[in-house]
Amino acid sequence: MRYINNMRKMKKYLLWFANENIEFRRPEIDSLLALMNIKMKFLQEPQNSEPFWIVQFESEDDVKKLAERSVSLKMCLELWAYAETTTKLHDILKSYQKSFYESHIATEQSFKIKVETFCKHFTQKEKVEKIEQFNYLPVEGTVKLKDPDVCLQYIEYYGTIPTKVPDEPYYVFFGKWITDGLRQLIQTLSLKSRKFIGNTSMDPELSLLMANQAQIKNGDMVLDPFVGSGSLLIAAAQFGGYVIGTDINYLMLHGKTKPSRIKQKVREINESIKANMEQYKIGHRYLDVLVNDFSCSFWRDDVKFDAIITDPPYGIREATERVGTEKENYIVSEEHLSTHIPSKVEYGISRIYGDLISFSLKHLKLGGRLVCWFPIFRETYTEDGLPSHPCLKLVANSEQVLSKLTSRRLLTFEKIEEPTPGSKINIQNILDFREKYFETREETRSEKRIREAELRNQNRIKYLNKK
């Protein structure tokens, strides 16, 4: 009965999302709702392509708490009315008592009405005409276009296909603006202005989505075992995590790799992951980055992390390597030991993810999350080809399309229990992505020229040998 009463008290809200990374909306919001213990109820089950959800929350504070962490959310409205036509919308608003409006906008408060359209452009004159249609609203405050006390929002939704825009909107919405999402942080963390980046630096929005799906909160210990240029550490630290990273690439961690920016010929002296953290005023949350071969873990058994977020190498734009040698009984003499640089061998994808799952089982706290990318071929993808273990529950699995043939999936695992001796990690069906990628990839023009030149040279040698 208490639950039913709470549902009756819950207000109606419109969550409006940015029209990108669509598959990641639900996992991010679900993760944040669970993290903050917020109750949300759908009044209309959302369609994947639609940029809005119609929902209920118990309080406006809950809406604001969710929005201040979400990078998928563009804005939130307290929804007063919505309909399939503007006429129906106006009829609904006209049916409300004056006391309804007085409870939302006091006489001394300033206000404005803002018009937005989705998938159709209107001139400023046309928008003003739409605003004037609301002149019947019994609102007595003064109109103030800049920084009003209350912002009322009118939205027309014309679908998601720019080439098939209807004459009339599919839905129209009207309500009171509550808050914006955290979209501005994406621009703040832009790679264009970041001090230190690499060829595979993670896009800021995806980095923040990963941190949210990992449910990182203030004081958490967060690890990225394939840290690269540290993009994921920045996102984790933004939400209060104390971050540490490891990588086998000594040159990357010391800022000595070839610059990734086209016009930059040499790296600056102080380019580093630490410099990035200081750039964003989160240096106090940076613990360290360590050169480490992930296949040879050096952590104490009792070291535990609240979250592990990472993008392991696939062997395409970055090498999949581990320390090792194919020589039998290879020993480094003592006189060469101090200057010895270990050789490396191929670190197959199935072994990488097997080690990642094994590490998480051992070093992830109970209830902690592992969030990682996993490359796939779209045509042959099945969930059986993902790494798995009974103690790690797959709570989210979203696709980012890379090409006609390939994509990568963002996997979010939650550790639900400690492993028992003998429990097995399932990596048997993991495809060798690198090998299949180069088998199916179309040749570039330069590669085709090289291959044809080699073939001509081979034919020339055969001809000379015959003579």
Protein backbone atom coordinates (compact mmCIF):
# COMPACT_ATOMS: atom_id res chain seq x y z
CA MET A 1 0.00 0.00 0.00
CA ARG A 2 2.87 2.40 0.82
CA TYR A 3 4.39 1.72 -2.60
CA ILE A 4 1.05 2.51 -4.34
CA ASN A 5 0.73 5.76 -2.37
CA ASN A 6 4.29 6.72 -3.35
CA MET A 7 3.46 6.09 -7.00
CA ARG A 8 0.47 8.44 -6.71
CA LYS A 9 2.66 11.15 -5.21
CA MET A 10 5.33 10.83 -7.90
CA LYS A 11 5.42 13.69 -10.40
CA LYS A 12 5.61 13.27 -14.15
CA TYR A 13 8.87 14.20 -15.89
CA LEU A 14 10.30 14.28 -19.39
CA LEU A 15 13.90 13.14 -19.78
CA TRP A 16 15.35 14.43 -23.04
CA PHE A 17 18.54 12.76 -24.28
CA ALA A 18 21.32 13.74 -26.66
CA ASN A 19 20.90 12.01 -30.00
CA GLU A 20 24.15 10.02 -29.90
CA ASN A 21 25.43 6.83 -28.30
CA ILE A 22 21.79 5.78 -28.14
CA GLU A 23 22.46 2.22 -26.93
CA PHE A 24 24.27 3.53 -23.87
CA ARG A 25 21.37 5.56 -22.43
CA ARG A 26 19.58 2.80 -20.59
CA PRO A 27 22.70 1.15 -19.06
CA GLU A 28 23.99 4.52 -17.83
CA ILE A 29 20.68 5.60 -16.30
CA ASP A 30 20.04 2.16 -14.76
CA SER A 31 23.53 2.22 -13.20
CA LEU A 32 23.03 5.70 -11.74
CA LEU A 33 19.57 4.91 -10.38
CA ALA A 34 20.99 1.86 -8.59
CA LEU A 35 24.01 3.82 -7.33
CA MET A 36 21.87 6.63 -5.89
CA ASN A 37 18.99 4.41 -4.77
CA ILE A 38 16.53 6.48 -6.81
CA LYS A 39 13.11 5.13 -7.81
CA MET A 40 11.96 5.85 -11.35
CA LYS A 41 8.86 4.53 -13.11
CA PHE A 42 8.21 4.53 -16.86
CA LEU A 43 4.82 5.92 -17.87
CA GLN A 44 5.54 5.03 -21.47
CA GLU A 45 8.08 2.34 -22.39
CA PRO A 46 10.75 4.14 -24.43
CA GLN A 47 11.55 3.23 -28.00
CA ASN A 48 15.28 2.90 -28.61
CA SER A 49 15.41 5.57 -31.33
CA GLU A 50 13.28 8.17 -29.55
CA PRO A 51 15.29 10.81 -27.63
CA PHE A 52 12.81 11.10 -24.74
CA TRP A 53 11.46 9.13 -21.79
CA ILE A 54 8.22 9.91 -19.96
CA VAL A 55 8.77 8.88 -16.34
CA GLN A 56 7.87 9.50 -12.71
CA PHE A 57 10.16 10.36 -9.77
CA GLU A 58 9.38 10.72 -6.09
CA SER A 59 10.99 14.16 -5.88
CA GLU A 60 12.57 16.89 -7.95
CA ASP A 61 15.78 16.40 -5.96
CA ASP A 62 16.03 12.87 -7.36
CA VAL A 63 15.78 14.26 -10.90
CA LYS A 64 18.54 16.76 -10.20
CA LYS A 65 20.82 14.14 -8.60
CA LEU A 66 20.44 11.92 -11.66
CA ALA A 67 21.02 14.74 -14.13
CA GLU A 68 24.15 16.05 -12.40
CA ARG A 69 25.85 12.70 -13.14
CA SER A 70 24.40 11.71 -16.51
CA VAL A 71 26.20 12.56 -19.75
CA SER A 72 23.44 11.00 -21.87
CA LEU A 73 20.81 13.42 -20.55
CA LYS A 74 20.41 16.74 -22.31
CA MET A 75 17.70 18.18 -20.01
CA CYS A 76 14.80 17.31 -17.69
CA LEU A 77 11.35 18.87 -17.56
CA GLU A 78 8.50 18.60 -15.11
CA LEU A 79 6.00 17.49 -17.73
CA TRP A 80 2.72 19.40 -17.60
CA ALA A 81 1.21 18.03 -20.80
CA TYR A 82 2.00 16.08 -23.96
CA ALA A 83 -0.10 15.08 -26.95
CA GLU A 84 0.04 13.99 -30.58
CA THR A 85 -1.19 17.38 -31.84
CA THR A 86 -0.73 20.98 -30.76
CA THR A 87 -4.51 21.44 -30.51
CA LYS A 88 -4.81 18.61 -27.99
CA LEU A 89 -1.84 19.97 -26.03
CA HIS A 90 -3.43 23.42 -25.73
CA ASP A 91 -6.75 21.87 -24.72
CA ILE A 92 -5.04 20.01 -21.87
CA LEU A 93 -3.25 23.13 -20.62
CA LYS A 94 -6.46 25.20 -20.82
CA SER A 95 -8.27 22.64 -18.67
CA TYR A 96 -5.96 23.23 -15.67
CA GLN A 97 -7.13 25.46 -12.82
CA LYS A 98 -5.38 28.78 -12.22
CA SER A 99 -4.16 27.41 -8.91
CA PHE A 100 -2.04 24.86 -10.82
CA TYR A 101 -0.03 27.60 -12.50
CA GLU A 102 0.18 29.70 -9.34
CA SER A 103 1.73 26.74 -7.52
CA HIS A 104 4.54 26.65 -10.10
CA ILE A 105 5.11 30.33 -10.91
CA ALA A 106 4.65 32.98 -8.22
CA THR A 107 3.44 36.45 -9.19
CA GLU A 108 6.82 38.01 -8.40
CA GLN A 109 8.78 35.45 -10.46
CA SER A 110 10.01 36.18 -13.98
CA PHE A 111 9.62 33.58 -16.72
CA LYS A 112 10.11 32.80 -20.39
CA ILE A 113 8.88 30.17 -22.84
CA LYS A 114 11.54 28.42 -24.89
CA VAL A 115 10.76 26.54 -28.12
CA GLU A 116 12.75 23.54 -29.32
CA THR A 117 12.16 21.28 -32.29
CA PHE A 118 13.69 17.89 -32.99
CA CYS A 119 14.56 16.93 -36.58
CA LYS A 120 13.02 20.08 -38.08
CA HIS A 121 14.32 23.65 -38.21
CA PHE A 122 12.21 26.73 -37.55
CA THR A 123 13.15 30.39 -37.93
CA GLN A 124 13.13 32.68 -34.91
CA LYS A 125 9.97 34.33 -36.26
CA GLU A 126 8.21 30.96 -36.45
CA LYS A 127 9.29 30.15 -32.90
CA VAL A 128 7.88 33.45 -31.65
CA GLU A 129 4.57 32.64 -33.33
CA LYS A 130 4.48 29.31 -31.47
CA ILE A 131 5.19 31.09 -28.17
CA GLU A 132 2.32 33.52 -28.77
CA GLN A 133 -0.09 30.58 -28.95
CA PHE A 134 0.40 30.21 -25.18
CA ASN A 135 -0.92 33.71 -24.37
CA TYR A 136 -3.88 32.14 -22.54
CA LEU A 137 -1.66 30.88 -19.70
CA PRO A 138 -2.70 32.63 -16.44
CA VAL A 139 0.86 33.59 -15.55
CA GLU A 140 1.26 37.06 -14.03
CA GLY A 141 5.03 37.29 -13.66
CA THR A 142 7.20 39.43 -15.95
CA VAL A 143 8.79 38.02 -19.09
CA LYS A 144 12.58 37.87 -18.88
CA LEU A 145 14.51 36.31 -21.75
CA LYS A 146 17.86 36.06 -19.96
CA ASP A 147 18.15 34.11 -16.70
CA PRO A 148 14.46 34.07 -15.73
CA ASP A 149 13.28 32.57 -12.44
CA VAL A 150 11.26 29.95 -14.34
CA CYS A 151 11.82 28.56 -17.83
CA LEU A 152 8.86 26.89 -19.56
CA GLN A 153 9.74 24.58 -22.42
CA TYR A 154 7.74 23.69 -25.53
CA ILE A 155 9.11 20.85 -27.68
CA GLU A 156 7.95 19.51 -31.05
CA TYR A 157 9.18 16.05 -32.03
CA TYR A 158 9.33 15.19 -35.75
CA GLY A 159 10.93 11.75 -35.57
CA THR A 160 14.54 10.77 -36.15
CA ILE A 161 14.79 10.52 -39.96
CA PRO A 162 15.95 13.85 -41.46
CA THR A 163 14.98 12.73 -44.99
CA LYS A 164 11.40 11.89 -43.97
CA VAL A 165 10.23 14.81 -41.85
CA PRO A 166 6.41 14.97 -41.54
CA ASP A 167 4.43 18.19 -41.93
CA GLU A 168 3.10 17.92 -38.38
CA PRO A 169 5.00 16.68 -35.28
CA TYR A 170 4.49 13.19 -33.92
CA TYR A 171 4.45 14.51 -30.33
CA VAL A 172 4.42 17.88 -28.62
CA PHE A 173 5.49 18.49 -25.01
CA PHE A 174 5.14 21.35 -22.55
CA GLY A 175 6.53 21.72 -19.06
CA LYS A 176 8.80 23.44 -16.60
CA TRP A 177 12.54 23.14 -17.13
CA ILE A 178 14.18 21.54 -14.08
CA THR A 179 17.83 21.02 -14.97
CA ASP A 180 20.32 20.11 -17.69
CA GLY A 181 22.46 16.98 -17.79
CA LEU A 182 26.25 16.88 -17.56
CA ARG A 183 26.85 17.35 -21.28
CA GLN A 184 29.08 20.42 -20.75
CA LEU A 185 31.73 18.18 -19.14
CA ILE A 186 32.27 16.46 -22.51
CA GLN A 187 33.48 19.73 -23.99
CA THR A 188 35.57 20.53 -20.90
CA LEU A 189 37.45 17.24 -21.31
CA SER A 190 37.79 17.56 -25.10
CA LEU A 191 40.81 15.78 -26.61
CA LYS A 192 41.46 18.87 -28.75
CA SER A 193 42.57 20.87 -25.72
CA ARG A 194 43.99 18.04 -23.63
CA LYS A 195 47.70 18.29 -22.91
CA PHE A 196 48.64 14.62 -23.46
CA ILE A 197 46.88 12.25 -25.87
CA GLY A 198 47.73 9.12 -27.85
CA ASN A 199 46.46 7.51 -31.04
CA THR A 200 43.81 5.54 -29.13
CA SER A 201 42.79 8.09 -26.48
CA MET A 202 39.17 7.41 -25.50
CA ASP A 203 36.48 9.91 -26.47
CA PRO A 204 35.44 11.93 -23.34
CA GLU A 205 31.75 11.03 -23.60
CA LEU A 206 32.46 7.30 -23.79
CA SER A 207 34.97 7.59 -20.94
CA LEU A 208 32.36 9.26 -18.72
CA LEU A 209 29.71 6.70 -19.70
CA MET A 210 32.10 3.93 -18.65
CA ALA A 211 32.75 5.63 -15.31
CA ASN A 212 29.00 5.95 -14.71
CA GLN A 213 28.33 2.32 -15.60
CA ALA A 214 31.12 1.38 -13.18
CA GLN A 215 29.14 3.32 -10.53
CA ILE A 216 32.23 5.19 -9.38
CA LYS A 217 31.64 7.32 -6.31
CA ASN A 218 33.66 9.50 -4.01
CA GLY A 219 36.58 7.64 -2.43
CA ASP A 220 36.54 4.58 -4.73
CA MET A 221 39.79 2.92 -5.77
CA VAL A 222 39.76 2.54 -9.58
CA LEU A 223 42.19 0.68 -11.84
CA ASP A 224 42.77 0.75 -15.59
CA PRO A 225 45.18 -2.13 -16.38
CA PHE A 226 45.63 -1.03 -20.04
CA VAL A 227 45.83 2.65 -19.26
CA GLY A 228 47.40 4.06 -22.45
CA SER A 229 47.17 7.86 -22.26
CA GLY A 230 44.87 7.74 -19.22
CA SER A 231 41.50 8.94 -20.59
CA LEU A 232 39.55 6.57 -18.36
CA LEU A 233 41.44 7.71 -15.27
CA ILE A 234 40.33 11.29 -15.94
CA ALA A 235 36.67 10.24 -16.17
CA ALA A 236 36.87 8.13 -13.01
CA ALA A 237 38.57 10.93 -11.06
CA GLN A 238 35.87 13.40 -12.14
CA PHE A 239 33.37 11.37 -10.11
CA GLY A 240 35.55 11.07 -7.03
CA GLY A 241 37.64 7.97 -7.75
CA TYR A 242 41.27 7.61 -6.71
CA VAL A 243 42.89 6.27 -9.86
CA ILE A 244 45.82 4.09 -10.79
CA GLY A 245 46.85 2.63 -14.14
CA THR A 246 49.26 0.10 -15.57
CA ASP A 247 50.51 -0.52 -19.10
CA ILE A 248 53.28 -2.49 -20.81
CA ASN A 249 54.16 0.49 -23.03
CA TYR A 250 57.04 2.26 -21.25
CA LEU A 251 57.29 5.00 -23.89
CA MET A 252 53.59 5.88 -23.63
CA LEU A 253 53.61 6.14 -19.83
CA HIS A 254 56.69 8.36 -19.99
CA GLY A 255 55.28 10.59 -22.76
CA LYS A 256 57.98 9.59 -25.26
CA THR A 257 55.86 8.12 -28.08
CA LYS A 258 55.43 9.88 -31.43
CA PRO A 259 52.97 12.81 -31.11
CA SER A 260 49.40 12.10 -32.22
CA ARG A 261 48.60 15.65 -33.33
CA ILE A 262 49.39 16.26 -37.01
CA LYS A 263 51.20 19.59 -36.57
CA GLN A 264 53.19 18.49 -33.51
CA LYS A 265 56.63 17.12 -34.40
CA VAL A 266 57.95 16.34 -30.91
CA ARG A 267 56.24 15.92 -27.56
CA GLU A 268 56.61 18.61 -24.94
CA ILE A 269 58.78 17.81 -21.92
CA ASN A 270 55.93 17.68 -19.41
CA GLU A 271 53.37 15.67 -21.44
CA SER A 272 52.05 12.91 -19.19
CA ILE A 273 48.95 11.39 -17.64
CA LYS A 274 49.73 13.27 -14.44
CA ALA A 275 49.85 16.57 -16.39
CA ASN A 276 46.34 15.84 -17.72
CA MET A 277 45.04 15.25 -14.20
CA GLU A 278 46.53 18.54 -13.05
CA GLN A 279 45.07 20.29 -16.11
CA TYR A 280 41.58 19.33 -14.94
CA LYS A 281 42.27 20.14 -11.26
CA ILE A 282 41.97 16.47 -10.20
CA GLY A 283 45.65 15.78 -9.57
CA HIS A 284 44.88 15.00 -5.91
CA ARG A 285 42.99 11.89 -7.06
CA TYR A 286 45.91 10.57 -9.14
CA LEU A 287 47.81 7.77 -7.40
CA ASP A 288 50.25 6.64 -10.11
CA VAL A 289 50.77 4.76 -13.36
CA LEU A 290 53.09 1.75 -13.47
CA VAL A 291 54.87 -0.09 -16.28
CA ASN A 292 53.52 -3.63 -16.03
CA ASP A 293 52.89 -6.72 -18.13
CA PHE A 294 49.27 -7.55 -17.26
CA SER A 295 49.86 -11.25 -17.92
CA CYS A 296 52.27 -11.23 -14.94
CA SER A 297 50.31 -9.60 -12.12
CA PHE A 298 52.43 -8.10 -9.34
CA TRP A 299 49.65 -7.11 -6.94
CA ARG A 300 49.38 -8.51 -3.42
CA ASP A 301 46.51 -10.97 -3.01
CA ASP A 302 44.65 -8.70 -0.58
CA VAL A 303 44.61 -5.63 -2.87
CA LYS A 304 41.00 -4.84 -3.80
CA PHE A 305 39.53 -2.27 -6.22
CA ASP A 306 36.03 -0.79 -6.22
CA ALA A 307 36.00 -0.66 -10.01
CA ILE A 308 38.08 -1.72 -13.00
CA ILE A 309 37.49 0.19 -16.25
CA THR A 310 39.58 -0.49 -19.33
CA ASP A 311 39.89 -0.78 -23.09
CA PRO A 312 42.24 -3.71 -23.78
CA PRO A 313 44.24 -3.66 -27.05
CA TYR A 314 42.78 -5.52 -30.03
CA GLY A 315 45.99 -5.75 -32.06
CA ILE A 316 44.82 -3.33 -34.77
CA ARG A 317 45.88 0.21 -33.84
CA GLU A 318 47.90 -0.92 -30.84
CA ALA A 319 49.94 -4.08 -30.28
CA THR A 320 48.76 -6.99 -28.15
CA GLU A 321 52.00 -7.93 -26.43
CA ARG A 322 53.27 -9.54 -23.28
CA VAL A 323 56.78 -10.19 -22.00
CA GLY A 324 58.14 -13.50 -23.25
CA THR A 325 60.30 -15.29 -25.79
CA GLU A 326 59.91 -18.17 -28.21
CA LYS A 327 63.48 -19.33 -27.52
CA GLU A 328 63.76 -22.44 -25.38
CA ASN A 329 65.64 -22.32 -22.05
CA TYR A 330 66.46 -18.66 -22.56
CA ILE A 331 68.54 -17.17 -19.72
CA VAL A 332 69.89 -13.64 -19.38
CA SER A 333 73.42 -13.58 -18.04
CA GLU A 334 74.06 -11.61 -14.87
CA GLU A 335 76.38 -9.15 -16.61
CA HIS A 336 73.61 -8.17 -19.08
CA LEU A 337 70.77 -8.21 -16.56
CA SER A 338 70.98 -4.50 -15.62
CA THR A 339 70.65 -3.32 -19.24
CA HIS A 340 68.38 -6.11 -20.50
CA ILE A 341 65.17 -5.09 -22.25
CA PRO A 342 62.72 -8.01 -22.16
CA SER A 343 61.52 -9.33 -25.49
CA LYS A 344 57.79 -9.55 -26.22
CA VAL A 345 55.49 -12.07 -27.84
CA GLU A 346 51.88 -12.02 -29.06
CA TYR A 347 49.27 -11.70 -26.30
CA GLY A 348 46.16 -13.25 -27.83
CA ILE A 349 42.75 -11.69 -27.24
CA SER A 350 41.29 -14.78 -25.56
CA ARG A 351 44.17 -14.79 -23.10
CA ILE A 352 43.88 -11.03 -22.48
CA TYR A 353 40.22 -11.35 -21.52
CA GLY A 354 40.83 -14.55 -19.61
CA ASP A 355 43.46 -12.72 -17.53
CA LEU A 356 41.13 -9.71 -17.13
CA ILE A 357 38.29 -11.87 -15.79
CA SER A 358 40.69 -13.80 -13.54
CA PHE A 359 42.17 -10.56 -12.17
CA SER A 360 38.69 -9.13 -11.52
CA LEU A 361 37.60 -12.24 -9.64
CA LYS A 362 40.61 -11.86 -7.37
CA HIS A 363 41.01 -8.08 -7.00
CA LEU A 364 37.51 -6.66 -7.44
CA LYS A 365 35.49 -5.98 -4.30
CA LEU A 366 32.20 -7.79 -3.87
CA GLY A 367 29.59 -5.62 -5.61
CA GLY A 368 32.32 -3.88 -7.62
CA ARG A 369 32.14 -3.55 -11.38
CA LEU A 370 34.35 -4.39 -14.34
CA VAL A 371 33.58 -2.24 -17.39
CA CYS A 372 35.50 -3.09 -20.56
CA TRP A 373 35.30 -2.94 -24.35
CA PHE A 374 35.18 -6.15 -26.38
CA PRO A 375 35.67 -6.26 -30.20
CA ILE A 376 33.35 -8.38 -32.37
CA PHE A 377 32.42 -9.19 -35.95
CA ARG A 378 28.79 -8.18 -36.24
CA GLU A 379 27.72 -10.98 -38.56
CA THR A 380 28.91 -13.80 -36.31
CA TYR A 381 28.29 -12.21 -32.90
CA THR A 382 26.58 -14.20 -30.14
CA GLU A 383 26.73 -13.77 -26.37
CA ASP A 384 28.39 -17.20 -26.17
CA GLY A 385 31.48 -15.55 -27.66
CA LEU A 386 31.87 -13.18 -24.70
CA PRO A 387 34.13 -13.88 -21.71
CA SER A 388 32.15 -14.97 -18.66
CA HIS A 389 32.23 -16.48 -15.18
CA PRO A 390 29.40 -17.43 -12.78
CA CYS A 391 30.64 -14.91 -10.17
CA LEU A 392 30.52 -12.00 -12.60
CA LYS A 393 27.02 -10.99 -13.66
CA LEU A 394 26.75 -9.27 -17.06
CA VAL A 395 24.49 -6.30 -16.26
CA ALA A 396 24.95 -4.29 -19.48
CA ASN A 397 26.05 -5.03 -23.04
CA SER A 398 25.92 -2.14 -25.54
CA GLU A 399 27.20 -1.94 -29.11
CA GLN A 400 29.25 0.79 -30.75
CA VAL A 401 29.39 0.21 -34.51
CA LEU A 402 32.87 0.71 -35.99
CA SER A 403 32.32 -0.36 -39.60
CA LYS A 404 30.03 -2.45 -41.80
CA LEU A 405 31.72 -5.59 -40.48
CA THR A 406 32.97 -4.77 -37.01
CA SER A 407 31.87 -3.18 -33.78
CA ARG A 408 32.82 -3.25 -30.14
CA ARG A 409 30.60 -3.92 -27.17
CA LEU A 410 30.82 -2.21 -23.81
CA LEU A 411 30.47 -4.97 -21.23
CA THR A 412 29.60 -4.21 -17.60
CA PHE A 413 30.09 -7.02 -15.11
CA GLU A 414 29.17 -6.92 -11.43
CA LYS A 415 30.92 -9.23 -8.97
CA ILE A 416 28.08 -11.02 -7.17
CA GLU A 417 30.08 -13.56 -5.16
CA GLU A 418 33.60 -14.75 -4.44
CA PRO A 419 34.86 -17.55 -6.72
CA THR A 420 35.17 -21.08 -5.44
CA PRO A 421 38.17 -23.34 -6.23
CA GLY A 422 37.76 -25.03 -9.59
CA SER A 423 35.24 -22.55 -11.07
CA LYS A 424 36.11 -21.97 -14.73
CA ILE A 425 36.34 -18.85 -16.85
CA ASN A 426 34.58 -19.18 -20.20
CA ILE A 427 36.86 -17.91 -22.98
CA GLN A 428 36.64 -20.92 -25.30
CA ASN A 429 34.41 -19.22 -27.90
CA ILE A 430 36.31 -15.93 -28.11
CA LEU A 431 37.19 -15.20 -31.73
CA ASP A 432 40.74 -14.17 -32.71
CA PHE A 433 39.61 -10.68 -33.70
CA ARG A 434 42.98 -9.51 -35.05
CA GLU A 435 43.44 -12.50 -37.36
CA LYS A 436 39.90 -12.31 -38.77
CA TYR A 437 40.12 -8.53 -39.10
CA PHE A 438 43.12 -8.71 -41.43
CA GLU A 439 41.56 -11.62 -43.33
CA THR A 440 38.38 -9.68 -44.12
CA ARG A 441 39.74 -6.14 -44.40
CA GLU A 442 39.80 -4.59 -47.86
CA GLU A 443 43.21 -3.54 -49.14
CA THR A 444 44.12 0.12 -49.11
CA ARG A 445 45.41 1.66 -52.35
CA SER A 446 48.99 1.74 -51.08
CA GLU A 447 48.82 -1.91 -49.99
CA LYS A 448 47.43 -2.87 -53.39
CA ARG A 449 50.29 -1.03 -55.17
CA ILE A 450 52.88 -2.77 -52.98
CA ARG A 451 51.30 -6.20 -53.61
CA GLU A 452 51.15 -5.60 -57.38
CA ALA A 453 54.76 -4.38 -57.43
CA GLU A 454 55.88 -7.51 -55.55
CA LEU A 455 53.95 -9.69 -57.98
CA ARG A 456 55.57 -7.97 -60.98
CA ASN A 457 58.98 -8.42 -59.38
CA GLN A 458 58.33 -12.14 -58.77
CA ASN A 459 57.21 -12.61 -62.40
CA ARG A 460 60.33 -10.79 -63.61
CA ILE A 461 62.57 -13.09 -61.52
CA LYS A 462 60.77 -16.18 -62.91
CA TYR A 463 61.25 -14.88 -66.45
CA LEU A 464 64.99 -14.26 -65.92
CA ASN A 465 65.45 -17.70 -64.38
CA LYS A 466 63.87 -19.33 -67.42
CA LYS A 467 66.33 -17.51 -69.69
